Each structure stands twice: as structure tokens, then as C-alpha cells.
Amino acid sequence: MARNRGIEETRGDWIAFLDADDLWKPTKLQRQIEAIEPRVTCLHTNFFYFGTSQGQVDVAADPPEIRYRVDRVAVSNPFRISSLMVHRSLPVRFPEWTQYAEDLIYFLDVCLLAEIRLVPEFLTGYRVHLGGQSANPNTAILRYQSIEQWMARRRADLDEATTTRIREGWLGLMVEMATLARHQRDWTQYWTIRRFLEQHSDHPLVRPLLNERVFPKWAYAVKDVLDRARGWTASRRKRESG
């Protein structure tokens, strides 16, 4: 992998990553350098996102003892690769055994091995693309499977409670994706995720989704037409009474 080759070839003490479609504010590296302390081997910044949507993510809302727990990072990732600066001595590399969730797996290994500090300013810009991979149900499933492989590889470093929280967090995310797909009438996405979740049919987070009754597509189409008609009628009555 090119990133691992870059890490091996570097001669400086610190390594920073910048994806081609992300941004750094001009003071990003300087502020990270100023925040270096003894024993610290990783620094990251808060980040903002831009592109098809705009906003910012303040990861400082969680205290460090929670923010960098691997079960928390696996589900609610506080990092973006372009926000990181790591010490060259840190023995972490990007996984070459999978093409999915490589960044997340790298972050998880960092959390197991590094002393991490946050620069709380919003100095890294993360570009959001329309129809990104995170919206693809097949990609989400493959990412989950990569996390399962990582947990198997890291079995000696993880207790059972941690692996249970990671698994439940991901299954919860998949249930949310399926529920949203049903509300949006994206039946391809819904059935893709539902078929995957059938492998976990005995899990209490999954069971309600699998037990819900799914009607033919035409029934939802009729319901949506009736709901829009009711909404239009209610809105008209409100205008007339006002």
C-alpha cells in the first residue's frame, strides 16, 4: 500500500496525511507541532466537512477516556485521516489484507498503541461526496466484515465486553440504515441489508427489524399518495382558516 511505503520512506520524526480531496487550514501543522508533549505519538484536529453538505464535527464533546476507546472509535469515529499527525516510531500500518475500512482499522490500532492529543480547532476539511461509499449498503457490509476480521486478529488485545460493544454498535448502525431505506422506499438497499442481518437473527437489536411485516411495493405507493393528499388537505385547511 502506498501509505505504508510512504511511512517507511520518510526521514522526519512526524508524519501527516492529506487525501487529495481534503483540505488543511494554513495553521494546521503549526498548531499540531505546538501541541506536542512528551510521550505523545499522535495528534489530530477537529474537522469540518464541505462539498455536498457543510458543517463541522467537535470531537472534544467526549472526554479522552471515552473518545479513544476502540469500541467508541469503531462506531463513532472521531478521526479523519487528513486530521492526523503521527510519530514515525509508532508501529502502526494500514491493513493490506482488506480493501474496506482501512482507515478505520488504522485508527483502531492507533488507539491501542498511541498516546493521543486533540488540537480542538477546526483545521482539517473533509470533502463529502454525493453517493459516497458510506451510503452503499454492500460497502457497509464489507466494512463490518473487515472490523470482524480485525477483532479476530486483535483477540489478545480486546476483552469480550469490548468486542460485544463493537459488534452491537455496528449491528445498530445497519438496523438504522435498513429502517431509513424502508422509509425512503429504497427497496434494493433495504433488502440487501436485511438479508445480511438475517445472519444475526437471534440478536435483540436485529430481531424487531426482521419481525416487522413488509407489504408489497404497491401498498407503500398507495400509502404515500394518501399521506401526501392528507398533508395537502391539512395545509389547505390551515391556510383557509388563517
C-alpha atoms as a PDB file:
ATOM      1  CA  MET A   1       0.000   0.000   0.000  1.00  0.00           C
ATOM      2  CA  ALA A   2       1.290   3.458  -0.945  1.00  0.00           C
ATOM      3  CA  ARG A   3       0.706   4.950   2.506  1.00  0.00           C
ATOM      4  CA  ASN A   4       2.760   2.239   4.189  1.00  0.00           C
ATOM      5  CA  ARG A   5       5.545   2.754   1.660  1.00  0.00           C
ATOM      6  CA  GLY A   6       5.454   6.475   2.422  1.00  0.00           C
ATOM      7  CA  ILE A   7       5.717   5.805   6.159  1.00  0.00           C
ATOM      8  CA  GLU A   8       8.726   3.551   5.597  1.00  0.00           C
ATOM      9  CA  GLU A   9      10.457   6.047   3.306  1.00  0.00           C
ATOM     10  CA  THR A  10      10.001   9.117   5.490  1.00  0.00           C
ATOM     11  CA  ARG A  11      13.001  10.604   7.296  1.00  0.00           C
ATOM     12  CA  GLY A  12      11.290  13.102   9.573  1.00  0.00           C
ATOM     13  CA  ASP A  13      10.067  12.443  13.097  1.00  0.00           C
ATOM     14  CA  TRP A  14       6.401  13.204  12.342  1.00  0.00           C
ATOM     15  CA  ILE A  15       4.106  12.083   9.528  1.00  0.00           C
ATOM     16  CA  ALA A  16       0.957  13.890   8.393  1.00  0.00           C
ATOM     17  CA  PHE A  17      -1.554  12.626   5.850  1.00  0.00           C
ATOM     18  CA  LEU A  18      -3.540  14.667   3.337  1.00  0.00           C
ATOM     19  CA  ASP A  19      -6.004  12.971   0.999  1.00  0.00           C
ATOM     20  CA  ALA A  20      -6.213  14.567  -2.440  1.00  0.00           C
ATOM     21  CA  ASP A  21      -9.754  15.900  -1.948  1.00  0.00           C
ATOM     22  CA  ASP A  22      -9.361  17.134   1.642  1.00  0.00           C
ATOM     23  CA  LEU A  23      -8.058  20.473   2.951  1.00  0.00           C
ATOM     24  CA  TRP A  24      -5.754  21.789   5.642  1.00  0.00           C
ATOM     25  CA  LYS A  25      -6.092  25.254   7.115  1.00  0.00           C
ATOM     26  CA  PRO A  26      -2.734  27.106   6.805  1.00  0.00           C
ATOM     27  CA  THR A  27      -2.030  26.798  10.545  1.00  0.00           C
ATOM     28  CA  LYS A  28      -2.896  23.097  10.838  1.00  0.00           C
ATOM     29  CA  LEU A  29       0.610  21.637  11.072  1.00  0.00           C
ATOM     30  CA  GLN A  30       1.957  24.500  13.169  1.00  0.00           C
ATOM     31  CA  ARG A  31      -0.792  24.111  15.758  1.00  0.00           C
ATOM     32  CA  GLN A  32      -0.149  20.369  15.960  1.00  0.00           C
ATOM     33  CA  ILE A  33       3.588  20.907  16.369  1.00  0.00           C
ATOM     34  CA  GLU A  34       2.922  23.382  19.185  1.00  0.00           C
ATOM     35  CA  ALA A  35       0.759  20.761  20.946  1.00  0.00           C
ATOM     36  CA  ILE A  36       3.446  18.047  21.011  1.00  0.00           C
ATOM     37  CA  GLU A  37       4.174  16.778  24.513  1.00  0.00           C
ATOM     38  CA  PRO A  38       6.468  14.050  25.876  1.00  0.00           C
ATOM     39  CA  ARG A  39       5.163  10.529  25.152  1.00  0.00           C
ATOM     40  CA  VAL A  40       2.535  11.845  22.704  1.00  0.00           C
ATOM     41  CA  THR A  41       2.725   9.868  19.443  1.00  0.00           C
ATOM     42  CA  CYS A  42      -0.450  11.024  17.689  1.00  0.00           C
ATOM     43  CA  LEU A  43      -2.187  14.377  17.335  1.00  0.00           C
ATOM     44  CA  HIS A  44      -5.382  15.157  15.467  1.00  0.00           C
ATOM     45  CA  THR A  45      -7.591  18.181  14.917  1.00  0.00           C
ATOM     46  CA  ASN A  46     -11.278  18.834  14.891  1.00  0.00           C
ATOM     47  CA  PHE A  47     -12.601  18.869  11.338  1.00  0.00           C
ATOM     48  CA  PHE A  48     -15.230  20.478   9.166  1.00  0.00           C
ATOM     49  CA  TYR A  49     -16.869  18.960   6.127  1.00  0.00           C
ATOM     50  CA  PHE A  50     -17.734  20.520   2.804  1.00  0.00           C
ATOM     51  CA  GLY A  51     -18.938  19.536  -0.651  1.00  0.00           C
ATOM     52  CA  THR A  52     -22.469  18.160  -0.991  1.00  0.00           C
ATOM     53  CA  SER A  53     -23.092  19.174   2.648  1.00  0.00           C
ATOM     54  CA  GLN A  54     -21.399  21.530   5.098  1.00  0.00           C
ATOM     55  CA  GLY A  55     -20.817  21.515   8.831  1.00  0.00           C
ATOM     56  CA  GLN A  56     -18.285  20.686  11.497  1.00  0.00           C
ATOM     57  CA  VAL A  57     -17.623  17.901  13.987  1.00  0.00           C
ATOM     58  CA  ASP A  58     -16.474  18.783  17.504  1.00  0.00           C
ATOM     59  CA  VAL A  59     -14.984  15.591  18.890  1.00  0.00           C
ATOM     60  CA  ALA A  60     -13.968  17.412  22.091  1.00  0.00           C
ATOM     61  CA  ALA A  61     -17.501  16.847  23.387  1.00  0.00           C
ATOM     62  CA  ASP A  62     -16.360  13.422  24.634  1.00  0.00           C
ATOM     63  CA  PRO A  63     -13.622  13.163  27.290  1.00  0.00           C
ATOM     64  CA  PRO A  64     -10.411  11.438  26.087  1.00  0.00           C
ATOM     65  CA  GLU A  65     -11.003   8.286  28.129  1.00  0.00           C
ATOM     66  CA  ILE A  66     -14.185   7.712  26.113  1.00  0.00           C
ATOM     67  CA  ARG A  67     -13.169   9.380  22.841  1.00  0.00           C
ATOM     68  CA  TYR A  68     -10.307   6.962  22.147  1.00  0.00           C
ATOM     69  CA  ARG A  69     -11.848   3.720  23.385  1.00  0.00           C
ATOM     70  CA  VAL A  70     -11.745   1.283  20.470  1.00  0.00           C
ATOM     71  CA  ASP A  71     -15.398   0.337  20.851  1.00  0.00           C
ATOM     72  CA  ARG A  72     -16.310   4.024  20.567  1.00  0.00           C
ATOM     73  CA  VAL A  73     -13.958   4.684  17.634  1.00  0.00           C
ATOM     74  CA  ALA A  74     -15.200   1.612  15.735  1.00  0.00           C
ATOM     75  CA  VAL A  75     -18.749   3.003  15.701  1.00  0.00           C
ATOM     76  CA  SER A  76     -18.404   6.800  16.152  1.00  0.00           C
ATOM     77  CA  ASN A  77     -15.043   7.539  14.556  1.00  0.00           C
ATOM     78  CA  PRO A  78     -13.586  10.876  15.801  1.00  0.00           C
ATOM     79  CA  PHE A  79     -10.778  10.865  13.229  1.00  0.00           C
ATOM     80  CA  ARG A  80     -10.277  11.700   9.584  1.00  0.00           C
ATOM     81  CA  ILE A  81      -7.041  10.565   8.040  1.00  0.00           C
ATOM     82  CA  SER A  82      -6.161  14.092   6.926  1.00  0.00           C
ATOM     83  CA  SER A  83      -6.508  15.340  10.509  1.00  0.00           C
ATOM     84  CA  LEU A  84      -3.771  13.054  11.867  1.00  0.00           C
ATOM     85  CA  MET A  85      -0.118  13.626  12.611  1.00  0.00           C
ATOM     86  CA  VAL A  86       1.714  10.573  13.982  1.00  0.00           C
ATOM     87  CA  HIS A  87       5.225   9.974  15.246  1.00  0.00           C
ATOM     88  CA  ARG A  88       7.389   7.885  12.956  1.00  0.00           C
ATOM     89  CA  SER A  89       8.158   5.486  15.818  1.00  0.00           C
ATOM     90  CA  LEU A  90       4.505   4.451  16.146  1.00  0.00           C
ATOM     91  CA  PRO A  91       4.379   0.795  14.938  1.00  0.00           C
ATOM     92  CA  VAL A  92       1.045   1.089  13.118  1.00  0.00           C
ATOM     93  CA  ARG A  93       0.465   0.452   9.429  1.00  0.00           C
ATOM     94  CA  PHE A  94      -2.580   0.398   7.172  1.00  0.00           C
ATOM     95  CA  PRO A  95      -4.009  -3.122   6.694  1.00  0.00           C
ATOM     96  CA  GLU A  96      -3.151  -4.770   3.405  1.00  0.00           C
ATOM     97  CA  TRP A  97      -5.441  -7.750   3.982  1.00  0.00           C
ATOM     98  CA  THR A  98      -8.625  -5.800   3.165  1.00  0.00           C
ATOM     99  CA  GLN A  99      -9.798  -3.032   0.835  1.00  0.00           C
ATOM    100  CA  TYR A 100     -12.560  -1.897   3.188  1.00  0.00           C
ATOM    101  CA  ALA A 101     -12.360   0.157   6.402  1.00  0.00           C
ATOM    102  CA  GLU A 102      -8.563   0.532   6.029  1.00  0.00           C
ATOM    103  CA  ASP A 103      -8.569   3.994   7.622  1.00  0.00           C
ATOM    104  CA  LEU A 104     -10.830   2.913  10.474  1.00  0.00           C
ATOM    105  CA  ILE A 105      -8.689  -0.138  11.218  1.00  0.00           C
ATOM    106  CA  TYR A 106      -5.599   2.088  11.218  1.00  0.00           C
ATOM    107  CA  PHE A 107      -7.323   4.413  13.710  1.00  0.00           C
ATOM    108  CA  LEU A 108      -8.260   1.474  15.934  1.00  0.00           C
ATOM    109  CA  ASP A 109      -4.655   0.270  16.044  1.00  0.00           C
ATOM    110  CA  VAL A 110      -3.534   3.829  16.813  1.00  0.00           C
ATOM    111  CA  CYS A 111      -5.923   3.928  19.771  1.00  0.00           C
ATOM    112  CA  LEU A 112      -4.482   0.672  21.114  1.00  0.00           C
ATOM    113  CA  LEU A 113      -0.849   1.802  20.849  1.00  0.00           C
ATOM    114  CA  ALA A 114      -0.586   5.602  20.836  1.00  0.00           C
ATOM    115  CA  GLU A 115      -0.734   8.452  23.311  1.00  0.00           C
ATOM    116  CA  ILE A 116      -3.177  10.812  21.558  1.00  0.00           C
ATOM    117  CA  ARG A 117      -3.858  14.521  21.850  1.00  0.00           C
ATOM    118  CA  LEU A 118      -6.556  16.645  20.226  1.00  0.00           C
ATOM    119  CA  VAL A 119      -5.962  20.107  18.803  1.00  0.00           C
ATOM    120  CA  PRO A 120      -9.539  21.395  19.227  1.00  0.00           C
ATOM    121  CA  GLU A 121      -9.503  23.892  16.372  1.00  0.00           C
ATOM    122  CA  PHE A 122     -11.298  23.033  13.123  1.00  0.00           C
ATOM    123  CA  LEU A 123      -8.207  22.865  10.931  1.00  0.00           C
ATOM    124  CA  THR A 124      -8.966  19.939   8.612  1.00  0.00           C
ATOM    125  CA  GLY A 125     -11.552  19.951   5.845  1.00  0.00           C
ATOM    126  CA  TYR A 126     -13.181  16.668   4.820  1.00  0.00           C
ATOM    127  CA  ARG A 127     -14.913  16.626   1.445  1.00  0.00           C
ATOM    128  CA  VAL A 128     -18.331  14.941   1.338  1.00  0.00           C
ATOM    129  CA  HIS A 129     -19.265  13.367  -1.992  1.00  0.00           C
ATOM    130  CA  LEU A 130     -22.754  12.715  -3.302  1.00  0.00           C
ATOM    131  CA  GLY A 131     -23.441   8.996  -3.056  1.00  0.00           C
ATOM    132  CA  GLY A 132     -20.251   8.261  -1.128  1.00  0.00           C
ATOM    133  CA  GLN A 133     -19.231   4.773  -0.119  1.00  0.00           C
ATOM    134  CA  SER A 134     -20.809   5.088   3.314  1.00  0.00           C
ATOM    135  CA  ALA A 135     -24.232   5.239   1.635  1.00  0.00           C
ATOM    136  CA  ASN A 136     -23.638   1.966  -0.225  1.00  0.00           C
ATOM    137  CA  PRO A 137     -25.153  -0.992   1.676  1.00  0.00           C
ATOM    138  CA  ASN A 138     -22.728  -3.505   0.171  1.00  0.00           C
ATOM    139  CA  THR A 139     -19.779  -1.338   1.232  1.00  0.00           C
ATOM    140  CA  ALA A 140     -21.187  -1.020   4.756  1.00  0.00           C
ATOM    141  CA  ILE A 141     -21.471  -4.809   4.984  1.00  0.00           C
ATOM    142  CA  LEU A 142     -17.915  -5.302   3.752  1.00  0.00           C
ATOM    143  CA  ARG A 143     -16.647  -2.710   6.238  1.00  0.00           C
ATOM    144  CA  TYR A 144     -18.409  -4.561   9.055  1.00  0.00           C
ATOM    145  CA  GLN A 145     -16.829  -7.822   7.941  1.00  0.00           C
ATOM    146  CA  SER A 146     -13.396  -6.160   7.931  1.00  0.00           C
ATOM    147  CA  ILE A 147     -13.962  -4.977  11.511  1.00  0.00           C
ATOM    148  CA  GLU A 148     -14.887  -8.550  12.468  1.00  0.00           C
ATOM    149  CA  GLN A 149     -11.609  -9.743  10.930  1.00  0.00           C
ATOM    150  CA  TRP A 150      -9.701  -7.055  12.808  1.00  0.00           C
ATOM    151  CA  MET A 151     -11.269  -8.152  16.098  1.00  0.00           C
ATOM    152  CA  ALA A 152     -10.250 -11.746  15.379  1.00  0.00           C
ATOM    153  CA  ARG A 153      -6.684 -10.635  14.662  1.00  0.00           C
ATOM    154  CA  ARG A 154      -6.616  -8.496  17.810  1.00  0.00           C
ATOM    155  CA  ARG A 155      -8.272 -11.070  20.057  1.00  0.00           C
ATOM    156  CA  ALA A 156      -5.400 -10.947  22.556  1.00  0.00           C
ATOM    157  CA  ASP A 157      -5.787  -7.155  22.944  1.00  0.00           C
ATOM    158  CA  LEU A 158      -9.579  -6.974  23.285  1.00  0.00           C
ATOM    159  CA  ASP A 159     -11.798  -8.233  26.068  1.00  0.00           C
ATOM    160  CA  GLU A 160     -15.171  -9.802  25.388  1.00  0.00           C
ATOM    161  CA  ALA A 161     -17.097  -6.732  26.554  1.00  0.00           C
ATOM    162  CA  THR A 162     -15.274  -4.536  24.035  1.00  0.00           C
ATOM    163  CA  THR A 163     -15.898  -6.860  21.090  1.00  0.00           C
ATOM    164  CA  THR A 164     -19.554  -7.144  22.118  1.00  0.00           C
ATOM    165  CA  ARG A 165     -19.934  -3.342  22.160  1.00  0.00           C
ATOM    166  CA  ILE A 166     -18.277  -3.035  18.741  1.00  0.00           C
ATOM    167  CA  ARG A 167     -20.492  -5.723  17.245  1.00  0.00           C
ATOM    168  CA  GLU A 168     -23.650  -4.269  18.759  1.00  0.00           C
ATOM    169  CA  GLY A 169     -22.703  -0.776  17.596  1.00  0.00           C
ATOM    170  CA  TRP A 170     -22.294  -1.931  14.018  1.00  0.00           C
ATOM    171  CA  LEU A 171     -25.445  -4.016  14.033  1.00  0.00           C
ATOM    172  CA  GLY A 172     -27.297  -0.976  15.376  1.00  0.00           C
ATOM    173  CA  LEU A 173     -25.950   1.123  12.510  1.00  0.00           C
ATOM    174  CA  MET A 174     -27.056  -1.492   9.994  1.00  0.00           C
ATOM    175  CA  VAL A 175     -30.535  -1.608  11.503  1.00  0.00           C
ATOM    176  CA  GLU A 176     -30.713   2.197  11.226  1.00  0.00           C
ATOM    177  CA  MET A 177     -29.650   2.019   7.565  1.00  0.00           C
ATOM    178  CA  ALA A 178     -32.345  -0.558   6.808  1.00  0.00           C
ATOM    179  CA  THR A 179     -35.016   1.445   8.634  1.00  0.00           C
ATOM    180  CA  LEU A 180     -34.068   4.618   6.754  1.00  0.00           C
ATOM    181  CA  ALA A 181     -34.070   2.725   3.445  1.00  0.00           C
ATOM    182  CA  ARG A 182     -37.600   1.461   4.142  1.00  0.00           C
ATOM    183  CA  HIS A 183     -38.834   4.969   4.953  1.00  0.00           C
ATOM    184  CA  GLN A 184     -37.213   6.257   1.755  1.00  0.00           C
ATOM    185  CA  ARG A 185     -38.640   3.296  -0.217  1.00  0.00           C
ATOM    186  CA  ASP A 186     -35.150   2.273  -1.309  1.00  0.00           C
ATOM    187  CA  TRP A 187     -36.026  -1.397  -1.508  1.00  0.00           C
ATOM    188  CA  THR A 188     -32.748  -2.533  -3.058  1.00  0.00           C
ATOM    189  CA  GLN A 189     -30.824  -1.126  -0.103  1.00  0.00           C
ATOM    190  CA  TYR A 190     -33.408  -2.373   2.399  1.00  0.00           C
ATOM    191  CA  TRP A 191     -33.335  -5.974   1.223  1.00  0.00           C
ATOM    192  CA  THR A 192     -29.552  -6.002   0.848  1.00  0.00           C
ATOM    193  CA  ILE A 193     -29.109  -5.031   4.492  1.00  0.00           C
ATOM    194  CA  ARG A 194     -31.984  -7.161   5.744  1.00  0.00           C
ATOM    195  CA  ARG A 195     -30.587 -10.299   4.107  1.00  0.00           C
ATOM    196  CA  PHE A 196     -27.260  -9.608   5.811  1.00  0.00           C
ATOM    197  CA  LEU A 197     -28.933  -9.043   9.182  1.00  0.00           C
ATOM    198  CA  GLU A 198     -30.721 -12.385   8.898  1.00  0.00           C
ATOM    199  CA  GLN A 199     -27.357 -13.926   9.818  1.00  0.00           C
ATOM    200  CA  HIS A 200     -27.807 -12.238  13.227  1.00  0.00           C
ATOM    201  CA  SER A 201     -31.498 -13.004  13.662  1.00  0.00           C
ATOM    202  CA  ASP A 202     -31.076 -14.032  17.307  1.00  0.00           C
ATOM    203  CA  HIS A 203     -29.669 -10.633  18.325  1.00  0.00           C
ATOM    204  CA  PRO A 204     -32.152  -8.408  20.217  1.00  0.00           C
ATOM    205  CA  LEU A 205     -31.142  -5.325  18.189  1.00  0.00           C
ATOM    206  CA  VAL A 206     -31.910  -7.111  14.928  1.00  0.00           C
ATOM    207  CA  ARG A 207     -34.978  -9.132  15.853  1.00  0.00           C
ATOM    208  CA  PRO A 208     -37.537  -6.232  15.715  1.00  0.00           C
ATOM    209  CA  LEU A 209     -36.488  -5.345  12.169  1.00  0.00           C
ATOM    210  CA  LEU A 210     -36.790  -8.938  10.993  1.00  0.00           C
ATOM    211  CA  ASN A 211     -40.156  -9.328  12.714  1.00  0.00           C
ATOM    212  CA  GLU A 212     -41.724  -6.279  11.079  1.00  0.00           C
ATOM    213  CA  ARG A 213     -44.185  -7.016   8.317  1.00  0.00           C
ATOM    214  CA  VAL A 214     -43.159  -5.836   4.854  1.00  0.00           C
ATOM    215  CA  PHE A 215     -46.011  -5.207   2.439  1.00  0.00           C
ATOM    216  CA  PRO A 216     -45.870  -5.299  -1.383  1.00  0.00           C
ATOM    217  CA  LYS A 217     -44.347  -2.213  -3.000  1.00  0.00           C
ATOM    218  CA  TRP A 218     -47.686  -1.117  -4.454  1.00  0.00           C
ATOM    219  CA  ALA A 219     -49.173  -0.905  -0.930  1.00  0.00           C
ATOM    220  CA  TYR A 220     -46.485   1.603   0.124  1.00  0.00           C
ATOM    221  CA  ALA A 221     -47.005   3.555  -3.096  1.00  0.00           C
ATOM    222  CA  VAL A 222     -50.730   3.875  -2.317  1.00  0.00           C
ATOM    223  CA  LYS A 223     -49.989   4.836   1.305  1.00  0.00           C
ATOM    224  CA  ASP A 224     -47.537   7.540   0.179  1.00  0.00           C
ATOM    225  CA  VAL A 225     -50.101   9.014  -2.222  1.00  0.00           C
ATOM    226  CA  LEU A 226     -52.752   9.071   0.517  1.00  0.00           C
ATOM    227  CA  ASP A 227     -50.314  10.625   3.023  1.00  0.00           C
ATOM    228  CA  ARG A 228     -49.411  13.381   0.552  1.00  0.00           C
ATOM    229  CA  ALA A 229     -53.094  14.026  -0.133  1.00  0.00           C
ATOM    230  CA  ARG A 230     -53.845  14.282   3.594  1.00  0.00           C
ATOM    231  CA  GLY A 231     -50.902  16.636   4.059  1.00  0.00           C
ATOM    232  CA  TRP A 232     -52.036  18.812   1.165  1.00  0.00           C
ATOM    233  CA  THR A 233     -55.607  18.913   2.501  1.00  0.00           C
ATOM    234  CA  ALA A 234     -54.481  19.781   6.031  1.00  0.00           C
ATOM    235  CA  SER A 235     -52.218  22.526   4.709  1.00  0.00           C
ATOM    236  CA  ARG A 236     -55.050  23.980   2.593  1.00  0.00           C
ATOM    237  CA  ARG A 237     -57.448  23.992   5.543  1.00  0.00           C
ATOM    238  CA  LYS A 238     -54.858  25.719   7.695  1.00  0.00           C
ATOM    239  CA  ARG A 239     -54.366  28.440   5.085  1.00  0.00           C
ATOM    240  CA  GLU A 240     -58.087  28.928   4.666  1.00  0.00           C
ATOM    241  CA  SER A 241     -58.729  29.100   8.415  1.00  0.00           C
ATOM    242  CA  GLY A 242     -55.829  31.520   8.865  1.00  0.00           C
END
